[in-house]
Amino acid sequence: MTIHRSHPFADPPSARDAVRAFRGRLASGVTLWTAHGERRPAGLTVSSVLVAHGTPPRVLALLDPLADLVEALVASGRAAVAILGHDRARLSDIFAGEAPAPGGAFRQAAFTDTAWGPVPTGTPTWAGVRLEGTAEVGHSLLVTCVVEAVTTGDDADPLVHYRGRYHRLG
């Protein structure tokens, strides 16, 4: 076993992507997007999210175009967008593909089925959205969704992502 003073796979400072470093310095709330796929539900942790107030209100997000969620979202035309609390950090890592999920990601927590997709049971704030359009943006797929339903509750300790780690507000 070797002990490293820094991450053994991190790029050296001279090779780091400046735009990625810039993006990492923007604190972001962490959401879980889920959709009903043709055979099973799919989900993805997403922190690149923007809510546009208007008539109708919209949610925009940058998704990994290769994620199973994209196929399920396009097929069903709908998704559930749950704002994760700090107590759901492990679930966030699972749906981001950063932690193991024996039996599948949806077996790692209890979920409540909705018309838009499964929502982690007990999640106080989430939205049901309908896909309006997609566009390729850089290495991502920009999805624009119309908000069809919103449930809000007490989110006293939201999960926040900053510089590659989770942090608490305050």
C-alpha atoms as a PDB file:
ATOM      1  CA  MET A   1       0.000   0.000   0.000  1.00  0.00           C
ATOM      2  CA  THR A   2       1.240   3.457  -0.885  1.00  0.00           C
ATOM      3  CA  ILE A   3       0.211   6.599   0.954  1.00  0.00           C
ATOM      4  CA  HIS A   4      -0.106   9.665  -1.263  1.00  0.00           C
ATOM      5  CA  ARG A   5      -0.044  13.264  -0.092  1.00  0.00           C
ATOM      6  CA  SER A   6      -2.451  14.193  -2.879  1.00  0.00           C
ATOM      7  CA  HIS A   7      -4.909  12.356  -5.124  1.00  0.00           C
ATOM      8  CA  PRO A   8      -2.802   9.869  -7.115  1.00  0.00           C
ATOM      9  CA  PHE A   9      -4.843  10.362 -10.319  1.00  0.00           C
ATOM     10  CA  ALA A  10      -5.224  14.149 -10.168  1.00  0.00           C
ATOM     11  CA  ASP A  11      -3.804  16.080 -13.081  1.00  0.00           C
ATOM     12  CA  PRO A  12      -0.728  18.141 -12.192  1.00  0.00           C
ATOM     13  CA  PRO A  13      -1.509  21.881 -11.877  1.00  0.00           C
ATOM     14  CA  SER A  14       0.078  22.619 -15.279  1.00  0.00           C
ATOM     15  CA  ALA A  15      -2.312  20.165 -17.033  1.00  0.00           C
ATOM     16  CA  ARG A  16      -5.580  21.132 -15.316  1.00  0.00           C
ATOM     17  CA  ASP A  17      -8.461  22.466 -17.383  1.00  0.00           C
ATOM     18  CA  ALA A  18      -9.044  26.114 -16.421  1.00  0.00           C
ATOM     19  CA  VAL A  19     -12.730  26.059 -17.420  1.00  0.00           C
ATOM     20  CA  ARG A  20     -13.338  22.975 -15.302  1.00  0.00           C
ATOM     21  CA  ALA A  21     -11.610  24.690 -12.361  1.00  0.00           C
ATOM     22  CA  PHE A  22     -13.807  27.768 -12.909  1.00  0.00           C
ATOM     23  CA  ARG A  23     -16.970  25.618 -12.940  1.00  0.00           C
ATOM     24  CA  GLY A  24     -15.837  23.827  -9.781  1.00  0.00           C
ATOM     25  CA  ARG A  25     -15.703  27.116  -7.924  1.00  0.00           C
ATOM     26  CA  LEU A  26     -19.428  27.714  -8.437  1.00  0.00           C
ATOM     27  CA  ALA A  27     -21.302  26.179  -5.511  1.00  0.00           C
ATOM     28  CA  SER A  28     -24.272  24.164  -6.783  1.00  0.00           C
ATOM     29  CA  GLY A  29     -27.233  22.461  -5.214  1.00  0.00           C
ATOM     30  CA  VAL A  30     -27.387  18.742  -5.949  1.00  0.00           C
ATOM     31  CA  THR A  31     -30.441  17.249  -7.616  1.00  0.00           C
ATOM     32  CA  LEU A  32     -31.448  13.736  -8.553  1.00  0.00           C
ATOM     33  CA  TRP A  33     -33.203  13.416 -11.907  1.00  0.00           C
ATOM     34  CA  THR A  34     -35.216  10.249 -12.505  1.00  0.00           C
ATOM     35  CA  ALA A  35     -37.432   9.073 -15.354  1.00  0.00           C
ATOM     36  CA  HIS A  36     -39.386   5.965 -16.264  1.00  0.00           C
ATOM     37  CA  GLY A  37     -37.484   4.035 -18.897  1.00  0.00           C
ATOM     38  CA  GLU A  38     -38.954   1.499 -21.284  1.00  0.00           C
ATOM     39  CA  ARG A  39     -37.896  -1.408 -19.045  1.00  0.00           C
ATOM     40  CA  ARG A  40     -36.817   0.229 -15.785  1.00  0.00           C
ATOM     41  CA  PRO A  41     -36.357   3.664 -14.238  1.00  0.00           C
ATOM     42  CA  ALA A  42     -33.144   5.608 -14.764  1.00  0.00           C
ATOM     43  CA  GLY A  43     -31.552   8.311 -12.660  1.00  0.00           C
ATOM     44  CA  LEU A  44     -28.636  10.725 -12.614  1.00  0.00           C
ATOM     45  CA  THR A  45     -27.142  13.143 -10.099  1.00  0.00           C
ATOM     46  CA  VAL A  46     -27.136  16.632 -11.650  1.00  0.00           C
ATOM     47  CA  SER A  47     -25.770  19.892 -10.242  1.00  0.00           C
ATOM     48  CA  SER A  48     -25.808  21.932 -13.470  1.00  0.00           C
ATOM     49  CA  VAL A  49     -29.410  23.102 -13.089  1.00  0.00           C
ATOM     50  CA  LEU A  50     -31.140  26.429 -13.674  1.00  0.00           C
ATOM     51  CA  VAL A  51     -34.735  27.327 -12.839  1.00  0.00           C
ATOM     52  CA  ALA A  52     -36.329  29.917 -15.115  1.00  0.00           C
ATOM     53  CA  HIS A  53     -39.414  31.577 -13.665  1.00  0.00           C
ATOM     54  CA  GLY A  54     -42.076  32.448 -16.211  1.00  0.00           C
ATOM     55  CA  THR A  55     -45.282  31.250 -17.797  1.00  0.00           C
ATOM     56  CA  PRO A  56     -44.723  28.378 -17.928  1.00  0.00           C
ATOM     57  CA  PRO A  57     -41.755  27.984 -15.578  1.00  0.00           C
ATOM     58  CA  ARG A  58     -38.879  25.870 -16.847  1.00  0.00           C
ATOM     59  CA  VAL A  59     -35.955  23.854 -15.528  1.00  0.00           C
ATOM     60  CA  LEU A  60     -32.817  23.620 -17.639  1.00  0.00           C
ATOM     61  CA  ALA A  61     -30.006  21.156 -17.007  1.00  0.00           C
ATOM     62  CA  LEU A  62     -26.782  19.932 -18.544  1.00  0.00           C
ATOM     63  CA  LEU A  63     -26.803  16.137 -18.711  1.00  0.00           C
ATOM     64  CA  ASP A  64     -24.247  13.545 -19.727  1.00  0.00           C
ATOM     65  CA  PRO A  65     -25.531  12.535 -23.179  1.00  0.00           C
ATOM     66  CA  LEU A  66     -24.419   8.937 -22.581  1.00  0.00           C
ATOM     67  CA  ALA A  67     -26.351   8.566 -19.299  1.00  0.00           C
ATOM     68  CA  ASP A  68     -29.243   6.096 -19.171  1.00  0.00           C
ATOM     69  CA  LEU A  69     -31.376   8.961 -17.871  1.00  0.00           C
ATOM     70  CA  VAL A  70     -31.244  10.732 -21.248  1.00  0.00           C
ATOM     71  CA  GLU A  71     -32.744   7.741 -23.061  1.00  0.00           C
ATOM     72  CA  ALA A  72     -35.465   7.359 -20.405  1.00  0.00           C
ATOM     73  CA  LEU A  73     -36.226  11.098 -20.389  1.00  0.00           C
ATOM     74  CA  VAL A  74     -36.535  11.249 -24.168  1.00  0.00           C
ATOM     75  CA  ALA A  75     -38.666   8.068 -24.274  1.00  0.00           C
ATOM     76  CA  SER A  76     -41.052   9.080 -21.486  1.00  0.00           C
ATOM     77  CA  GLY A  77     -40.924  12.838 -22.042  1.00  0.00           C
ATOM     78  CA  ARG A  78     -40.999  13.412 -18.277  1.00  0.00           C
ATOM     79  CA  ALA A  79     -38.736  13.427 -15.232  1.00  0.00           C
ATOM     80  CA  ALA A  80     -38.801  13.998 -11.506  1.00  0.00           C
ATOM     81  CA  VAL A  81     -36.214  16.463 -10.200  1.00  0.00           C
ATOM     82  CA  ALA A  82     -35.532  16.030  -6.474  1.00  0.00           C
ATOM     83  CA  ILE A  83     -33.422  18.453  -4.466  1.00  0.00           C
ATOM     84  CA  LEU A  84     -31.203  16.270  -2.284  1.00  0.00           C
ATOM     85  CA  GLY A  85     -30.496  16.943   1.371  1.00  0.00           C
ATOM     86  CA  HIS A  86     -27.066  16.523   2.933  1.00  0.00           C
ATOM     87  CA  ASP A  87     -28.239  13.202   4.383  1.00  0.00           C
ATOM     88  CA  ARG A  88     -28.477  11.895   0.787  1.00  0.00           C
ATOM     89  CA  ALA A  89     -24.791  12.372  -0.124  1.00  0.00           C
ATOM     90  CA  ARG A  90     -24.266   8.633  -0.555  1.00  0.00           C
ATOM     91  CA  LEU A  91     -27.319   8.371  -2.801  1.00  0.00           C
ATOM     92  CA  SER A  92     -25.912  11.248  -4.850  1.00  0.00           C
ATOM     93  CA  ASP A  93     -22.628   9.395  -5.276  1.00  0.00           C
ATOM     94  CA  ILE A  94     -24.460   6.213  -6.290  1.00  0.00           C
ATOM     95  CA  PHE A  95     -26.454   7.923  -9.039  1.00  0.00           C
ATOM     96  CA  ALA A  96     -23.316   9.761 -10.185  1.00  0.00           C
ATOM     97  CA  GLY A  97     -21.597   6.392 -10.628  1.00  0.00           C
ATOM     98  CA  GLU A  98     -19.088   7.213  -7.888  1.00  0.00           C
ATOM     99  CA  ALA A  99     -20.188   4.588  -5.330  1.00  0.00           C
ATOM    100  CA  PRO A 100     -21.174   0.928  -5.586  1.00  0.00           C
ATOM    101  CA  ALA A 101     -24.863   0.022  -5.815  1.00  0.00           C
ATOM    102  CA  PRO A 102     -25.368  -3.705  -5.208  1.00  0.00           C
ATOM    103  CA  GLY A 103     -28.650  -4.698  -6.853  1.00  0.00           C
ATOM    104  CA  GLY A 104     -28.937  -1.347  -8.645  1.00  0.00           C
ATOM    105  CA  ALA A 105     -29.160   2.300  -7.666  1.00  0.00           C
ATOM    106  CA  PHE A 106     -32.897   2.250  -6.979  1.00  0.00           C
ATOM    107  CA  ARG A 107     -32.430  -0.463  -4.333  1.00  0.00           C
ATOM    108  CA  GLN A 108     -30.171   1.751  -2.210  1.00  0.00           C
ATOM    109  CA  ALA A 109     -33.041   3.842  -0.792  1.00  0.00           C
ATOM    110  CA  ALA A 110     -36.822   3.837  -0.657  1.00  0.00           C
ATOM    111  CA  PHE A 111     -38.516   5.570  -3.586  1.00  0.00           C
ATOM    112  CA  THR A 112     -42.053   6.800  -4.118  1.00  0.00           C
ATOM    113  CA  ASP A 113     -43.327   6.401  -7.659  1.00  0.00           C
ATOM    114  CA  THR A 114     -44.804   9.479  -9.360  1.00  0.00           C
ATOM    115  CA  ALA A 115     -46.128  10.164 -12.854  1.00  0.00           C
ATOM    116  CA  TRP A 116     -42.770  11.802 -13.685  1.00  0.00           C
ATOM    117  CA  GLY A 117     -40.361   9.309 -12.119  1.00  0.00           C
ATOM    118  CA  PRO A 118     -39.385   7.805  -8.769  1.00  0.00           C
ATOM    119  CA  VAL A 119     -38.623  10.286  -5.971  1.00  0.00           C
ATOM    120  CA  PRO A 120     -36.599   9.323  -2.870  1.00  0.00           C
ATOM    121  CA  THR A 121     -39.177   8.784  -0.140  1.00  0.00           C
ATOM    122  CA  GLY A 122     -39.256  11.681   2.302  1.00  0.00           C
ATOM    123  CA  THR A 123     -37.719  14.196  -0.122  1.00  0.00           C
ATOM    124  CA  PRO A 124     -39.321  17.512   0.866  1.00  0.00           C
ATOM    125  CA  THR A 125     -38.792  19.406  -2.396  1.00  0.00           C
ATOM    126  CA  TRP A 126     -39.110  18.072  -5.922  1.00  0.00           C
ATOM    127  CA  ALA A 127     -40.616  18.967  -9.291  1.00  0.00           C
ATOM    128  CA  GLY A 128     -42.311  16.997 -12.030  1.00  0.00           C
ATOM    129  CA  VAL A 129     -41.145  18.230 -15.428  1.00  0.00           C
ATOM    130  CA  ARG A 130     -42.015  17.618 -19.084  1.00  0.00           C
ATOM    131  CA  LEU A 131     -39.254  17.601 -21.697  1.00  0.00           C
ATOM    132  CA  GLU A 132     -39.589  20.531 -24.088  1.00  0.00           C
ATOM    133  CA  GLY A 133     -36.336  20.348 -26.026  1.00  0.00           C
ATOM    134  CA  THR A 134     -32.691  19.329 -26.178  1.00  0.00           C
ATOM    135  CA  ALA A 135     -29.527  20.812 -27.652  1.00  0.00           C
ATOM    136  CA  GLU A 136     -25.887  19.763 -27.686  1.00  0.00           C
ATOM    137  CA  VAL A 137     -23.789  22.196 -25.662  1.00  0.00           C
ATOM    138  CA  GLY A 138     -20.096  21.385 -25.413  1.00  0.00           C
ATOM    139  CA  HIS A 139     -19.753  17.856 -24.054  1.00  0.00           C
ATOM    140  CA  SER A 140     -23.249  17.970 -22.541  1.00  0.00           C
ATOM    141  CA  LEU A 141     -26.880  17.773 -23.557  1.00  0.00           C
ATOM    142  CA  LEU A 142     -28.892  20.820 -22.554  1.00  0.00           C
ATOM    143  CA  VAL A 143     -32.439  19.799 -21.674  1.00  0.00           C
ATOM    144  CA  THR A 144     -35.208  22.342 -21.324  1.00  0.00           C
ATOM    145  CA  CYS A 145     -38.195  21.125 -19.339  1.00  0.00           C
ATOM    146  CA  VAL A 146     -41.531  22.688 -18.464  1.00  0.00           C
ATOM    147  CA  VAL A 147     -42.487  22.465 -14.780  1.00  0.00           C
ATOM    148  CA  GLU A 148     -45.785  20.611 -14.377  1.00  0.00           C
ATOM    149  CA  ALA A 149     -45.852  20.074 -10.604  1.00  0.00           C
ATOM    150  CA  VAL A 150     -43.885  21.244  -7.563  1.00  0.00           C
ATOM    151  CA  THR A 151     -43.779  20.005  -3.991  1.00  0.00           C
ATOM    152  CA  THR A 152     -41.849  22.133  -1.496  1.00  0.00           C
ATOM    153  CA  GLY A 153     -40.934  21.437   2.091  1.00  0.00           C
ATOM    154  CA  ASP A 154     -38.359  22.175   4.752  1.00  0.00           C
ATOM    155  CA  ASP A 155     -34.912  21.807   3.180  1.00  0.00           C
ATOM    156  CA  ALA A 156     -32.908  22.791   6.237  1.00  0.00           C
ATOM    157  CA  ASP A 157     -29.695  21.062   5.133  1.00  0.00           C
ATOM    158  CA  PRO A 158     -29.388  20.920   1.308  1.00  0.00           C
ATOM    159  CA  LEU A 159     -26.589  18.999  -0.377  1.00  0.00           C
ATOM    160  CA  VAL A 160     -24.184  21.496  -1.965  1.00  0.00           C
ATOM    161  CA  HIS A 161     -21.318  20.624  -4.319  1.00  0.00           C
ATOM    162  CA  TYR A 162     -18.245  22.866  -4.394  1.00  0.00           C
ATOM    163  CA  ARG A 163     -14.758  22.130  -5.755  1.00  0.00           C
ATOM    164  CA  GLY A 164     -15.417  18.420  -6.085  1.00  0.00           C
ATOM    165  CA  ARG A 165     -16.767  17.880  -2.557  1.00  0.00           C
ATOM    166  CA  TYR A 166     -20.005  18.186  -0.621  1.00  0.00           C
ATOM    167  CA  HIS A 167     -20.371  21.068   1.809  1.00  0.00           C
ATOM    168  CA  ARG A 168     -22.912  22.336   4.276  1.00  0.00           C
ATOM    169  CA  LEU A 169     -24.351  25.819   4.105  1.00  0.00           C
ATOM    170  CA  GLY A 170     -23.666  28.086   7.057  1.00  0.00           C
END
